[in-house]
């Protein structure tokens, strides 16, 4: 019987691909991208035959519609009996899949598991825009052996009134709330987050897998232009996640016994030391402050405790960066600064943000960094569910003494925390503005949306299509603190 230490899971191989083709008709499909990334990970581990001995293939869902991508990959790779698991569309799901792989291996239920994601979305869009016919089928039906996680938005009627229906609106409400809490003017705030994005682009410039591998100036990022329109105030396009990419990444996780058996060099092995997840969904209305999620803070601080580390011990950090707010909130939760920028990839605008698969690139890049700096400590923070779900992982070339990493789900602990009472009906009355966003379409500003705290302490919501008011907000006039009247979801500033 294998000894306990032989069951210790290690990340043995990594693979990353970026597909750049002049003619999209030459592009390969997402499933081929994923197959190639797994093969590259096996080569990286020094053990190409690992692809024929996979006990599991775990895939975070992407833009494609494959019903059972793990099974398709298992057949292509020569591991037909591999268990197929599909993860939800969520930034935090990759860490959860890795935690599952570690548990399965430590328990002796598996020896070799691949976690992979991939997209050919840019090529697909180019083909369809040009009137061509897609030369692959990404709708192949099937059911995985298991699914993990779910993507959902919890809303009340007032939130719907205020356009809180997608990630961009949620993150911009949080961004403006953060700005107000710091006492920044709108103009100074936009300067600061443009510089943050500029620093991300500098990281991407040196990353061979980045989708936009060039330094982009803060001025170009900050100011709307024909190629960089304002999407939703205060975010221009160059501040938002870019899912139109052709990228793929994979990790191969092995038991120590399997790594030894297949000849994986010791210097290639990197270990998850500790991880936390928080997957309880609550509404924006229930938060005391829009820009602080106690569940994120709990997950971040608990992973440090589990790893017996302080924030100052983290030599390498990559934080989820779908929007500027995400990286600021992730850094605040860990207790680290945003200068130097906590990114190894260049972030989800400049590196590319292929949904949850971005986190596989983040982890692969971290593994490479830790191999080059043995004994150092790295942390990865992820966000899902539009600033609702979170995961953190701490990694090193040095394992903890135990066989299984320290893994904790803090969802129930967060759920037991007190929260702001929620008003179920639409609010009628006056309240000072707490935060706002302006949704901007290709034809111009479409709607100004508001959040406020009413005299009874409820968060209330509404919007306006007043052209002058939208123009004022887009011109950096500060609307936070202005008193307003709410009626049937419509807001009038007083």
Protein backbone atom coordinates (compact mmCIF):
# COMPACT_ATOMS: atom_id res chain seq x y z
CA UNK A 1 0.00 0.00 0.00
CA UNK A 2 1.25 3.47 -0.85
CA UNK A 3 2.50 5.58 2.02
CA UNK A 4 0.68 8.79 2.89
CA UNK A 5 3.36 11.05 1.45
CA UNK A 6 3.09 9.25 -1.87
CA UNK A 7 -0.47 10.61 -2.14
CA UNK A 8 0.66 14.22 -1.84
CA UNK A 9 -0.62 16.10 -4.93
CA UNK A 10 1.79 18.21 -6.97
CA UNK A 11 1.31 20.39 -10.03
CA UNK A 12 3.70 18.60 -12.37
CA UNK A 13 3.11 20.22 -15.74
CA UNK A 14 1.82 23.44 -17.27
CA UNK A 15 0.81 24.42 -20.78
CA UNK A 16 -0.15 27.75 -22.33
CA UNK A 17 -1.04 28.55 -25.93
CA UNK A 18 -1.98 31.67 -27.84
CA UNK A 19 -3.27 31.31 -31.40
CA UNK A 20 -2.53 34.15 -33.82
CA UNK A 21 -3.56 33.57 -37.42
CA UNK A 22 -3.89 36.06 -40.25
CA UNK A 23 -6.64 33.94 -41.79
CA UNK A 24 -9.16 32.72 -39.21
CA UNK A 25 -10.04 29.85 -41.54
CA UNK A 26 -6.71 28.38 -40.42
CA UNK A 27 -7.61 28.56 -36.71
CA UNK A 28 -8.09 25.41 -34.70
CA UNK A 29 -11.13 24.78 -32.51
CA UNK A 30 -11.37 25.29 -28.74
CA UNK A 31 -11.23 21.54 -28.13
CA UNK A 32 -8.05 21.29 -30.22
CA UNK A 33 -6.59 24.23 -28.29
CA UNK A 34 -7.31 22.40 -25.04
CA UNK A 35 -5.88 19.12 -26.32
CA UNK A 36 -2.66 20.87 -27.32
CA UNK A 37 -2.41 22.63 -23.95
CA UNK A 38 -2.68 19.30 -22.08
CA UNK A 39 -0.07 17.73 -24.34
CA UNK A 40 2.19 20.71 -23.75
CA UNK A 41 1.70 20.34 -19.98
CA UNK A 42 2.74 16.69 -20.18
CA UNK A 43 5.83 17.65 -22.20
CA UNK A 44 6.59 20.35 -19.62
CA UNK A 45 6.44 17.69 -16.89
CA UNK A 46 8.98 15.66 -18.85
CA UNK A 47 6.43 12.86 -19.20
CA UNK A 48 4.49 12.96 -22.50
CA UNK A 49 2.83 9.63 -21.68
CA UNK A 50 0.87 11.29 -18.85
CA UNK A 51 -1.85 12.16 -21.39
CA UNK A 52 -2.60 8.43 -21.76
CA UNK A 53 -2.97 7.93 -18.00
CA UNK A 54 -5.40 10.66 -17.02
CA UNK A 55 -7.88 9.71 -14.32
CA UNK A 56 -9.78 12.98 -14.68
CA UNK A 57 -10.17 15.96 -17.00
CA UNK A 58 -11.72 19.06 -15.43
CA UNK A 59 -12.81 21.94 -17.68
CA UNK A 60 -14.11 25.39 -16.66
CA UNK A 61 -16.91 26.35 -19.05
CA UNK A 62 -16.20 28.97 -21.72
CA UNK A 63 -17.97 30.68 -24.61
CA UNK A 64 -18.28 27.37 -26.47
CA UNK A 65 -21.23 25.01 -26.04
CA UNK A 66 -19.58 21.59 -25.82
CA UNK A 67 -21.79 19.41 -23.65
CA UNK A 68 -18.98 17.21 -22.30
CA UNK A 69 -15.58 18.66 -23.24
CA UNK A 70 -13.75 16.41 -20.80
CA UNK A 71 -14.98 13.30 -22.58
CA UNK A 72 -14.02 14.68 -26.01
CA UNK A 73 -10.53 15.39 -24.70
CA UNK A 74 -10.23 11.99 -22.99
CA UNK A 75 -10.88 10.23 -26.29
CA UNK A 76 -8.41 12.43 -28.17
CA UNK A 77 -5.68 11.93 -25.58
CA UNK A 78 -5.96 8.17 -25.15
CA UNK A 79 -7.46 8.24 -21.64
CA UNK A 80 -11.02 7.12 -22.44
CA UNK A 81 -11.90 6.30 -18.83
CA UNK A 82 -10.96 9.70 -17.41
CA UNK A 83 -13.68 11.27 -15.26
CA UNK A 84 -15.06 14.39 -16.91
CA UNK A 85 -16.03 17.39 -14.77
CA UNK A 86 -17.28 20.73 -16.08
CA UNK A 87 -17.02 23.86 -13.94
CA UNK A 88 -19.40 26.81 -14.04
CA UNK A 89 -18.64 30.08 -15.83
CA UNK A 90 -17.01 31.79 -12.88
CA UNK A 91 -13.57 33.22 -12.23
CA UNK A 92 -13.21 31.39 -8.93
CA UNK A 93 -14.10 27.94 -10.26
CA UNK A 94 -10.59 26.93 -11.37
CA UNK A 95 -9.29 27.02 -7.80
CA UNK A 96 -12.25 24.90 -6.73
CA UNK A 97 -11.46 22.38 -9.49
CA UNK A 98 -7.84 22.28 -8.36
CA UNK A 99 -8.96 21.73 -4.76
CA UNK A 100 -11.12 18.82 -5.95
CA UNK A 101 -8.20 17.32 -7.86
CA UNK A 102 -5.99 17.54 -4.78
CA UNK A 103 -8.64 15.84 -2.64
CA UNK A 104 -9.17 13.05 -5.18
CA UNK A 105 -5.44 12.38 -5.42
CA UNK A 106 -4.79 12.56 -1.66
CA UNK A 107 -7.65 10.11 -1.07
CA UNK A 108 -6.19 7.61 -3.52
CA UNK A 109 -9.09 7.98 -5.97
CA UNK A 110 -6.91 9.32 -8.78
CA UNK A 111 -3.25 9.68 -9.70
CA UNK A 112 -3.20 12.07 -12.66
CA UNK A 113 -5.74 14.83 -13.35
CA UNK A 114 -5.68 17.53 -16.04
CA UNK A 115 -7.43 20.88 -15.60
CA UNK A 116 -7.78 22.72 -18.88
CA UNK A 117 -9.64 25.53 -20.58
CA UNK A 118 -9.47 27.16 -23.97
CA UNK A 119 -11.07 29.51 -26.45
CA UNK A 120 -10.98 30.23 -30.18
CA UNK A 121 -13.50 33.03 -29.76
CA UNK A 122 -11.57 35.70 -31.63
CA UNK A 123 -11.21 33.55 -34.72
CA UNK A 124 -14.84 32.48 -34.46
CA UNK A 125 -16.04 36.09 -34.40
CA UNK A 126 -13.81 37.04 -37.31
CA UNK A 127 -15.17 34.17 -39.40
CA UNK A 128 -18.79 34.97 -38.64
CA UNK A 129 -18.33 38.73 -39.14
CA UNK A 130 -16.88 38.00 -42.56
CA UNK A 131 -19.90 35.91 -43.51
CA UNK A 132 -17.94 32.67 -43.44
CA UNK A 133 -18.93 29.28 -42.13
CA UNK A 134 -17.36 28.02 -38.92
CA UNK A 135 -15.16 25.01 -39.69
CA UNK A 136 -15.65 23.39 -36.29
CA UNK A 137 -18.62 22.34 -34.20
CA UNK A 138 -18.47 23.63 -30.63
CA UNK A 139 -22.02 22.47 -29.85
CA UNK A 140 -21.31 18.73 -29.64
CA UNK A 141 -23.82 17.41 -27.08
CA UNK A 142 -23.07 15.35 -24.02
CA UNK A 143 -23.25 15.28 -20.24
CA UNK A 144 -20.15 15.36 -18.03
CA UNK A 145 -19.79 12.92 -15.18
CA UNK A 146 -20.24 15.85 -12.82
CA UNK A 147 -20.69 19.61 -12.82
CA UNK A 148 -19.28 22.01 -10.24
CA UNK A 149 -20.53 25.43 -9.21
CA UNK A 150 -23.18 27.69 -10.64
CA UNK A 151 -23.35 31.19 -12.04
CA UNK A 152 -26.23 33.28 -10.76
CA UNK A 153 -27.14 36.86 -10.02
CA UNK A 154 -29.31 37.43 -6.96
CA UNK A 155 -31.41 40.57 -7.47
CA UNK A 156 -34.33 42.42 -6.01
CA UNK A 157 -36.73 44.64 -8.05
CA UNK A 158 -34.85 47.82 -7.18
CA UNK A 159 -31.57 46.45 -8.44
CA UNK A 160 -33.19 45.59 -11.75
CA UNK A 161 -34.45 49.19 -11.95
CA UNK A 162 -30.88 50.39 -11.67
CA UNK A 163 -29.44 48.11 -14.31
CA UNK A 164 -27.66 45.74 -11.93
CA UNK A 165 -27.99 42.92 -14.40
CA UNK A 166 -24.42 42.14 -15.46
CA UNK A 167 -20.82 42.19 -14.33
CA UNK A 168 -19.92 45.56 -15.84
CA UNK A 169 -22.67 47.44 -14.02
CA UNK A 170 -21.93 45.71 -10.72
CA UNK A 171 -18.21 46.41 -10.86
CA UNK A 172 -18.69 50.05 -11.82
CA UNK A 173 -21.12 50.63 -8.93
CA UNK A 174 -18.44 49.18 -6.67
CA UNK A 175 -15.72 51.25 -8.34
CA UNK A 176 -17.54 54.53 -7.78
CA UNK A 177 -18.30 53.54 -4.19
CA UNK A 178 -14.59 52.88 -3.62
CA UNK A 179 -13.67 56.21 -5.20
CA UNK A 180 -16.07 58.08 -2.93
CA UNK A 181 -14.73 56.28 0.15
CA UNK A 182 -11.21 57.46 -0.73
CA UNK A 183 -12.35 61.07 -1.14
CA UNK A 184 -11.12 61.21 -4.75
CA UNK A 185 -12.61 63.45 -7.38
CA UNK A 186 -13.96 61.58 -10.41
CA UNK A 187 -11.22 63.02 -12.62
CA UNK A 188 -8.39 62.08 -10.24
CA UNK A 189 -9.88 58.65 -9.82
CA UNK A 190 -9.97 58.02 -13.56
CA UNK A 191 -6.34 59.14 -13.74
CA UNK A 192 -5.42 56.61 -11.07
CA UNK A 193 -7.21 53.59 -12.49
CA UNK A 194 -5.88 54.42 -15.98
CA UNK A 195 -2.35 54.33 -14.53
CA UNK A 196 -3.16 51.02 -12.84
CA UNK A 197 -4.25 49.62 -16.21
CA UNK A 198 -1.13 51.09 -17.82
CA UNK A 199 1.03 49.17 -15.36
CA UNK A 200 -0.88 45.99 -16.23
CA UNK A 201 -0.12 46.56 -19.90
CA UNK A 202 3.58 46.81 -19.09
CA UNK A 203 3.42 43.33 -17.56
CA UNK A 204 1.57 42.00 -20.61
CA UNK A 205 4.22 43.47 -22.90
CA UNK A 206 6.71 40.95 -21.56
CA UNK A 207 4.33 37.97 -21.63
CA UNK A 208 4.59 35.79 -24.77
CA UNK A 209 1.03 34.51 -24.27
CA UNK A 210 -0.62 37.93 -23.90
CA UNK A 211 -3.28 38.91 -26.40
CA UNK A 212 -2.25 42.60 -26.44
CA UNK A 213 1.49 42.35 -25.75
CA UNK A 214 2.30 46.05 -25.80
CA UNK A 215 2.56 48.88 -23.34
CA UNK A 216 -0.49 51.14 -23.56
CA UNK A 217 -0.26 54.63 -22.09
CA UNK A 218 -2.50 55.76 -19.26
CA UNK A 219 -3.75 58.57 -21.48
CA UNK A 220 -4.84 56.15 -24.22
CA UNK A 221 -6.57 53.96 -21.65
CA UNK A 222 -8.28 56.82 -19.82
CA UNK A 223 -9.67 58.87 -22.67
CA UNK A 224 -12.52 57.66 -24.90
CA UNK A 225 -11.71 57.41 -28.59
CA UNK A 226 -13.01 55.72 -31.70
CA UNK A 227 -11.14 52.54 -30.79
CA UNK A 228 -11.58 52.90 -27.03
CA UNK A 229 -15.13 53.99 -26.36
CA UNK A 230 -16.59 54.59 -22.94
CA UNK A 231 -18.42 51.35 -22.16
CA UNK A 232 -19.84 52.12 -18.73
CA UNK A 233 -18.60 55.03 -16.66
CA UNK A 234 -15.88 55.19 -15.43
CA UNK A 235 -14.61 52.31 -17.62
CA UNK A 236 -13.42 52.63 -21.18
CA UNK A 237 -13.02 49.51 -23.28
CA UNK A 238 -9.34 49.28 -22.31
CA UNK A 239 -10.41 48.88 -18.68
CA UNK A 240 -12.66 45.89 -19.33
CA UNK A 241 -12.03 42.17 -19.66
CA UNK A 242 -11.35 40.96 -23.18
CA UNK A 243 -12.99 37.59 -23.92
CA UNK A 244 -12.44 37.76 -27.67
CA UNK A 245 -9.19 35.78 -27.61
CA UNK A 246 -7.70 32.51 -28.83
CA UNK A 247 -5.93 31.16 -25.75
CA UNK A 248 -5.67 27.92 -23.83
CA UNK A 249 -3.98 26.75 -20.63
CA UNK A 250 -3.67 23.48 -18.73
CA UNK A 251 -2.31 22.08 -15.49
CA UNK A 252 -1.49 18.42 -14.84
CA UNK A 253 -1.73 17.42 -11.18
CA UNK A 254 -0.12 14.17 -10.05
CA UNK A 255 0.29 12.20 -6.87
CA UNK A 256 3.90 12.13 -5.71
CA UNK A 257 3.96 8.41 -6.48
CA UNK A 258 2.78 9.01 -10.06
CA UNK A 259 5.20 11.90 -10.54
CA UNK A 260 8.04 9.63 -9.41
CA UNK A 261 6.82 6.77 -11.61
CA UNK A 262 6.61 8.93 -14.73
CA UNK A 263 9.93 10.62 -14.02
CA UNK A 264 8.73 14.16 -13.33
CA UNK A 265 11.82 16.06 -12.07
CA UNK A 266 11.53 17.34 -8.51
CA UNK A 267 12.26 20.89 -9.65
CA UNK A 268 9.18 20.87 -11.87
CA UNK A 269 6.79 20.19 -8.99
CA UNK A 270 4.86 23.01 -7.34
CA UNK A 271 2.44 22.53 -4.46
CA UNK A 272 -0.79 24.13 -3.39
CA UNK A 273 -0.21 24.90 0.27
CA UNK A 274 -3.57 26.44 1.23
CA UNK A 275 -6.81 27.48 -0.41
CA UNK A 276 -10.13 29.06 0.49
CA UNK A 277 -13.37 29.52 -1.37
CA UNK A 278 -16.49 31.57 -0.73
CA UNK A 279 -19.45 30.65 -2.92
CA UNK A 280 -22.48 32.04 -1.11
CA UNK A 281 -24.43 34.45 -3.32
CA UNK A 282 -25.97 37.59 -1.82
CA UNK A 283 -27.38 40.73 -3.39
CA UNK A 284 -25.63 44.08 -3.64
CA UNK A 285 -28.44 45.53 -1.56
CA UNK A 286 -27.35 43.50 1.46
CA UNK A 287 -23.80 44.84 1.64
CA UNK A 288 -22.92 47.50 4.16
CA UNK A 289 -20.55 49.07 1.62
CA UNK A 290 -20.73 48.31 -2.09
CA UNK A 291 -16.96 48.19 -2.47
CA UNK A 292 -16.26 45.80 0.41
CA UNK A 293 -17.40 42.18 0.31
CA UNK A 294 -16.88 40.60 3.74
CA UNK A 295 -16.79 37.17 2.12
CA UNK A 296 -13.80 38.18 0.04
CA UNK A 297 -11.99 39.61 3.04
CA UNK A 298 -12.74 36.45 5.01
CA UNK A 299 -11.45 34.17 2.24
CA UNK A 300 -8.29 36.23 1.77
CA UNK A 301 -7.38 36.49 5.43
CA UNK A 302 -8.22 32.87 6.14
CA UNK A 303 -5.96 31.57 3.36
CA UNK A 304 -3.06 33.48 4.91
CA UNK A 305 -3.87 31.93 8.27
CA UNK A 306 -4.14 28.45 6.76
CA UNK A 307 -0.80 28.87 5.01
CA UNK A 308 0.75 30.42 8.15
CA UNK A 309 1.83 33.42 6.10
CA UNK A 310 1.59 37.19 6.36
CA UNK A 311 0.77 39.42 3.42
CA UNK A 312 4.41 40.58 3.45
CA UNK A 313 5.50 36.96 2.82
CA UNK A 314 3.92 36.90 -0.63
CA UNK A 315 6.71 37.35 -3.17
CA UNK A 316 4.52 36.69 -6.22
CA UNK A 317 0.84 37.65 -6.60
CA UNK A 318 -1.67 37.52 -9.41
CA UNK A 319 -5.14 38.90 -8.73
CA UNK A 320 -8.25 38.60 -10.85
CA UNK A 321 -8.47 41.69 -12.98
CA UNK A 322 -11.62 41.71 -15.09
CA UNK A 323 -11.99 45.41 -14.21
CA UNK A 324 -9.81 47.85 -12.23
CA UNK A 325 -12.06 47.48 -9.21
CA UNK A 326 -11.43 43.73 -9.02
CA UNK A 327 -7.69 44.07 -8.60
CA UNK A 328 -8.06 46.89 -6.07
CA UNK A 329 -10.55 44.91 -3.98
CA UNK A 330 -8.46 41.74 -4.18
CA UNK A 331 -5.37 43.59 -3.00
CA UNK A 332 -7.23 45.29 -0.16
CA UNK A 333 -8.63 41.95 1.02
CA UNK A 334 -5.13 40.44 1.17
CA UNK A 335 -3.65 43.57 2.70
CA UNK A 336 -1.17 44.30 -0.10
CA UNK A 337 -0.62 47.43 -2.22
CA UNK A 338 -1.42 47.80 -5.92
CA UNK A 339 2.03 49.28 -6.54
CA UNK A 340 3.82 47.24 -7.72
CA UNK A 341 0.84 45.94 -9.64
CA UNK A 342 -0.18 42.47 -8.33
CA UNK A 343 -0.20 40.76 -11.72
CA UNK A 344 2.02 38.17 -13.36
CA UNK A 345 0.13 37.99 -16.65
CA UNK A 346 -0.84 41.56 -17.52
CA UNK A 347 -4.49 41.21 -16.60
CA UNK A 348 -7.70 40.39 -18.36
CA UNK A 349 -7.67 43.33 -20.78
CA UNK A 350 -4.12 43.09 -22.06
CA UNK A 351 -3.23 39.48 -21.37
CA UNK A 352 -6.78 38.42 -22.21
CA UNK A 353 -9.72 37.27 -20.16
CA UNK A 354 -11.13 34.02 -21.53
CA UNK A 355 -13.71 33.66 -18.74
CA UNK A 356 -12.66 31.39 -15.87
CA UNK A 357 -9.95 29.97 -18.07
CA UNK A 358 -7.94 33.14 -17.37
CA UNK A 359 -7.19 31.72 -13.93
CA UNK A 360 -5.55 28.68 -15.51
CA UNK A 361 -3.19 31.08 -17.29
CA UNK A 362 -2.65 32.85 -13.99
CA UNK A 363 -1.75 29.58 -12.29
CA UNK A 364 0.46 28.36 -15.11
CA UNK A 365 2.36 31.66 -15.03
CA UNK A 366 2.66 31.41 -11.25
CA UNK A 367 4.01 27.86 -11.47
CA UNK A 368 6.67 29.01 -13.91
CA UNK A 369 7.60 31.93 -11.64
CA UNK A 370 7.90 29.74 -8.54
CA UNK A 371 10.07 27.19 -10.34
CA UNK A 372 12.48 30.00 -11.15
CA UNK A 373 12.40 31.19 -7.53
CA UNK A 374 12.43 27.99 -5.45
CA UNK A 375 11.17 28.32 -1.90
CA UNK A 376 9.28 31.54 -2.57
CA UNK A 377 5.56 31.96 -1.95
CA UNK A 378 2.89 32.91 -4.49
CA UNK A 379 -0.77 33.84 -4.08
CA UNK A 380 -3.58 33.84 -6.63
CA UNK A 381 -6.91 35.53 -5.97
CA UNK A 382 -9.97 34.91 -8.11
CA UNK A 383 -13.42 36.48 -8.38
CA UNK A 384 -16.66 35.05 -9.74
CA UNK A 385 -20.36 35.73 -9.88
CA UNK A 386 -19.83 39.46 -10.52
CA UNK A 387 -17.99 40.21 -7.27
CA UNK A 388 -20.00 37.61 -5.38
CA UNK A 389 -17.77 34.50 -5.20
CA UNK A 390 -14.08 34.27 -4.33
CA UNK A 391 -11.18 31.89 -4.08
CA UNK A 392 -7.57 32.24 -2.99
CA UNK A 393 -4.66 29.85 -3.32
CA UNK A 394 -1.12 29.95 -1.93
CA UNK A 395 1.61 28.03 -3.74
CA UNK A 396 5.27 27.11 -3.32
CA UNK A 397 7.87 24.62 -4.47
CA UNK A 398 7.85 23.53 -0.83
CA UNK A 399 4.81 21.47 0.29
CA UNK A 400 3.25 21.64 3.72
CA UNK A 401 3.93 18.73 6.07
CA UNK A 402 0.46 17.26 5.55
CA UNK A 403 -0.50 15.22 2.49
CA UNK A 404 -3.55 17.32 1.61
CA UNK A 405 -3.22 21.10 1.31
CA UNK A 406 -5.09 23.25 3.83
CA UNK A 407 -8.43 23.77 2.05
CA UNK A 408 -11.42 25.56 3.56
CA UNK A 409 -14.83 26.63 2.29
CA UNK A 410 -15.81 29.75 4.25
CA UNK A 411 -19.23 30.15 2.60
CA UNK A 412 -21.25 29.15 5.68
CA UNK A 413 -19.18 31.39 7.92
CA UNK A 414 -19.86 34.34 5.62
CA UNK A 415 -23.54 33.44 5.44
CA UNK A 416 -23.79 33.74 9.22
CA UNK A 417 -22.41 37.30 9.21
CA UNK A 418 -24.82 40.21 9.73
CA UNK A 419 -25.77 42.14 6.60
CA UNK A 420 -27.85 45.12 5.59
CA UNK A 421 -31.60 44.48 5.57
CA UNK A 422 -33.03 44.39 2.07
CA UNK A 423 -36.03 46.34 0.83
CA UNK A 424 -38.09 44.03 -1.36
CA UNK A 425 -40.24 46.66 -3.05
CA UNK A 426 -39.34 49.75 -5.03
CA UNK A 427 -38.57 52.80 -2.91
CA UNK A 428 -40.48 56.08 -3.13
CA UNK A 429 -38.89 59.01 -1.35
CA UNK A 430 -35.65 60.92 -0.97
CA UNK A 431 -32.12 59.65 -0.36
CA UNK A 432 -28.51 60.84 -0.91
CA UNK A 433 -26.67 59.22 -3.81
CA UNK A 434 -24.17 56.56 -2.76
CA UNK A 435 -22.88 55.44 -6.18
CA UNK A 436 -23.70 55.67 -9.86
CA UNK A 437 -22.74 54.48 -13.33
CA UNK A 438 -23.52 55.60 -16.87
CA UNK A 439 -24.23 52.90 -19.43
CA UNK A 440 -22.90 54.06 -22.81
CA UNK A 441 -23.88 52.39 -26.05
CA UNK A 442 -22.19 52.74 -29.42
CA UNK A 443 -24.57 55.59 -30.19
CA UNK A 444 -23.87 57.43 -26.94
CA UNK A 445 -25.02 57.53 -23.30
CA UNK A 446 -28.08 55.37 -22.68
CA UNK A 447 -28.85 55.43 -18.95
CA UNK A 448 -27.56 56.84 -15.68
CA UNK A 449 -28.05 54.39 -12.81
CA UNK A 450 -28.01 55.14 -9.10
CA UNK A 451 -27.64 53.49 -5.72
CA UNK A 452 -28.50 55.34 -2.50
CA UNK A 453 -29.05 54.71 1.20
CA UNK A 454 -32.47 55.88 2.34
CA UNK A 455 -33.24 57.30 5.83
CA UNK A 456 -34.22 53.84 7.09
CA UNK A 457 -30.83 52.39 6.11
CA UNK A 458 -32.00 50.42 3.08
CA UNK A 459 -30.03 50.52 -0.17
CA UNK A 460 -32.34 51.77 -2.92
CA UNK A 461 -31.94 51.91 -6.67
CA UNK A 462 -33.13 53.79 -9.73
CA UNK A 463 -32.09 55.46 -12.94
CA UNK A 464 -32.43 58.42 -15.28
CA UNK A 465 -32.18 59.05 -19.01
CA UNK A 466 -31.90 62.84 -18.63
CA UNK A 467 -29.36 63.81 -21.35
CA UNK A 468 -27.95 66.75 -19.36
CA UNK A 469 -27.49 64.66 -16.25
CA UNK A 470 -25.77 61.85 -18.17
CA UNK A 471 -23.49 64.38 -19.84
CA UNK A 472 -22.61 65.90 -16.46
CA UNK A 473 -21.65 62.50 -15.03
CA UNK A 474 -19.56 61.66 -18.09
CA UNK A 475 -17.83 65.02 -17.71
CA UNK A 476 -16.66 63.96 -14.23
CA UNK A 477 -19.19 65.96 -12.24
CA UNK A 478 -19.45 64.20 -8.88
CA UNK A 479 -22.99 63.04 -8.13
CA UNK A 480 -22.17 61.14 -4.93
CA UNK A 481 -23.81 62.81 -1.92
CA UNK A 482 -26.42 64.66 -4.01
CA UNK A 483 -29.93 64.32 -2.64
CA UNK A 484 -32.39 62.65 -4.98
CA UNK A 485 -36.03 61.67 -5.25
CA UNK A 486 -36.87 58.05 -6.14
CA UNK A 487 -40.23 57.11 -7.65
CA UNK A 488 -41.11 53.94 -9.58
CA UNK A 489 -37.43 53.35 -10.31
CA UNK A 490 -36.89 56.85 -11.73
CA UNK A 491 -34.42 59.20 -10.05
CA UNK A 492 -34.53 63.00 -10.03
CA UNK A 493 -31.65 64.92 -8.47
CA UNK A 494 -32.76 67.72 -6.15
